[in-house]
């Protein structure tokens, strides 16, 4: 499917405990900033002033210990090594984290233009 359609949809690849810890940390930070409604299980606050960058959240949140443990996990690295057929797999220093509401999107864009710098060797995960 990756070769034919340009994407893979995978479920239950990442460890549940890492996903749960990252989700808890992200939601707590977004609740305290007012971007997410408190006690609403991640529902975005429609009155929050977040329209400047279509769902962008503070860059520091994407680099929180819980998020890094998830996006730099052994399981994700192993999956990418398998897909790419290479032992040389690494994550980028900069991590993007977006929060958009149900039925919304972060606008049309092509990740490879920003991330791969012309190479066809890179993959993004979201």
Foldseek 3Di string as FASTA:
>chain_A
DCVPPVDDDDPPQFDPVLVVQLLVLVQVVCCVVQQAPPPPSQAGDPPDPPPPQQFWDDQVSCVPPSNCCGVVPPSNLVVLCVVLVHNDDDDDPGDTDGRDHVPDDRDDDDVCVVPVVPDPRDDDDD
